[in-house]
Protein backbone atom coordinates (compact mmCIF):
# COMPACT_ATOMS: atom_id res chain seq x y z
CA MET A 1 125.51 -121.88 60.22
CA GLY A 2 126.19 -122.01 63.66
CA ARG A 3 125.83 -118.95 66.46
CA PRO A 4 125.30 -115.29 64.76
CA SER A 5 127.94 -113.26 64.41
CA SER A 6 128.44 -110.12 67.52
CA ALA A 7 127.18 -107.83 64.14
CA ASP A 8 124.13 -109.81 63.27
CA GLN A 9 122.88 -109.61 66.77
CA GLN A 10 123.55 -106.18 67.45
CA GLU A 11 121.51 -105.39 64.37
CA GLN A 12 118.60 -107.52 65.11
CA LYS A 13 118.63 -106.15 68.42
CA LYS A 14 118.66 -102.63 67.09
CA ILE A 15 115.41 -103.88 64.40
CA ALA A 16 114.02 -105.35 67.45
CA LYS A 17 114.13 -101.96 69.70
CA ALA A 18 112.41 -100.02 66.64
CA ASP A 19 109.83 -102.42 65.90
CA ALA A 20 108.83 -102.03 70.00
CA ALA A 21 108.93 -98.46 69.81
CA ALA A 22 106.85 -98.19 66.54
CA ARG A 23 104.68 -100.22 68.04
CA ASN A 24 104.56 -98.22 71.41
CA ALA A 25 103.42 -95.31 69.25
CA VAL A 26 100.39 -97.35 68.07
CA GLU A 27 99.18 -98.82 70.88
CA GLY A 28 99.11 -95.46 72.66
CA LYS A 29 96.93 -94.07 70.12
CA PHE A 30 94.43 -96.72 70.38
CA ASP A 31 95.07 -96.54 74.43
CA GLU A 32 94.30 -92.77 74.12
CA GLY A 33 91.27 -93.60 72.00
CA LYS A 34 89.74 -95.80 74.61
CA ARG A 35 89.91 -93.71 77.39
CA SER A 36 89.24 -90.63 75.63
CA TYR A 37 86.79 -91.34 72.75
CA GLY A 38 85.13 -94.26 73.97
CA LEU A 39 87.13 -96.84 71.22
CA GLY A 40 86.35 -99.22 73.93
CA ARG A 41 82.69 -99.20 74.17
CA ILE A 42 81.33 -99.69 70.63
CA ARG A 43 78.95 -102.33 70.65
CA ALA A 44 77.99 -102.66 66.91
CA HIS A 45 77.36 -105.86 65.67
CA LEU A 46 78.51 -105.97 62.22
CA GLN A 47 81.92 -105.53 61.26
CA THR A 48 81.48 -103.11 58.29
CA THR A 49 79.52 -101.17 61.45
CA SER A 50 82.10 -101.47 63.35
CA GLU A 51 85.12 -100.59 61.04
CA THR A 52 82.97 -97.86 60.24
CA VAL A 53 82.78 -96.60 64.13
CA ILE A 54 86.22 -97.13 64.28
CA GLY A 55 87.13 -95.13 61.54
CA LEU A 56 84.68 -92.15 62.48
CA GLN A 57 86.21 -91.73 65.71
CA LEU A 58 90.34 -92.27 64.59
CA LEU A 59 88.86 -89.12 62.72
CA VAL A 60 87.66 -86.91 65.20
CA MET A 61 90.91 -87.80 67.26
CA ASN A 62 92.63 -86.41 64.00
CA LEU A 63 90.63 -83.53 63.96
CA GLU A 64 90.38 -82.53 67.31
CA LYS A 65 94.79 -82.55 66.94
CA ARG A 66 94.78 -80.64 64.24
CA LEU A 67 92.05 -77.92 65.40
CA ARG A 68 94.28 -77.34 68.68
CA VAL A 69 97.15 -77.06 66.51
CA LEU A 70 96.06 -74.63 64.63
CA PHE A 71 93.39 -72.45 66.92
CA LEU A 72 95.76 -72.33 70.07
CA PRO A 73 97.95 -70.09 68.39
CA VAL A 74 95.09 -68.05 67.71
CA LEU A 75 93.40 -68.27 70.80
CA GLN A 76 96.79 -66.74 72.38
CA TRP A 77 96.79 -64.17 70.44
CA LEU A 78 93.00 -63.44 70.95
CA LEU A 79 93.48 -63.19 74.61
CA SER A 80 97.18 -61.33 74.61
CA ARG A 81 95.33 -58.73 72.45
CA LEU A 82 92.80 -58.41 75.23
CA ALA A 83 94.43 -58.25 78.09
CA VAL A 84 96.23 -55.35 76.50
CA ARG A 85 93.02 -54.18 76.01
CA LEU A 86 91.88 -54.13 79.23
CA LEU A 87 94.85 -52.72 80.61
CA LEU A 88 95.03 -49.92 78.86
CA LEU A 89 91.59 -48.58 79.79
CA PRO A 90 91.08 -45.86 82.72
């Protein structure tokens, strides 16, 4: 009873900070979706249709990220090979 101990307060602060960090990451992704992928312009009237559109938009966001990660090294390698060939041409 009474006031919580200092250790309990510090533990609660750590938990609150971790929760806020997780929320910020999630809210940041939603903000990115609204700015870049049109999540703020969904005009579906039925709940199931809205959920489907949102799910598809999130799928596109994930696929684009994975494609960037996968193809960027391949593209850099191809461009470096092309640059070497262009330098070797007389």
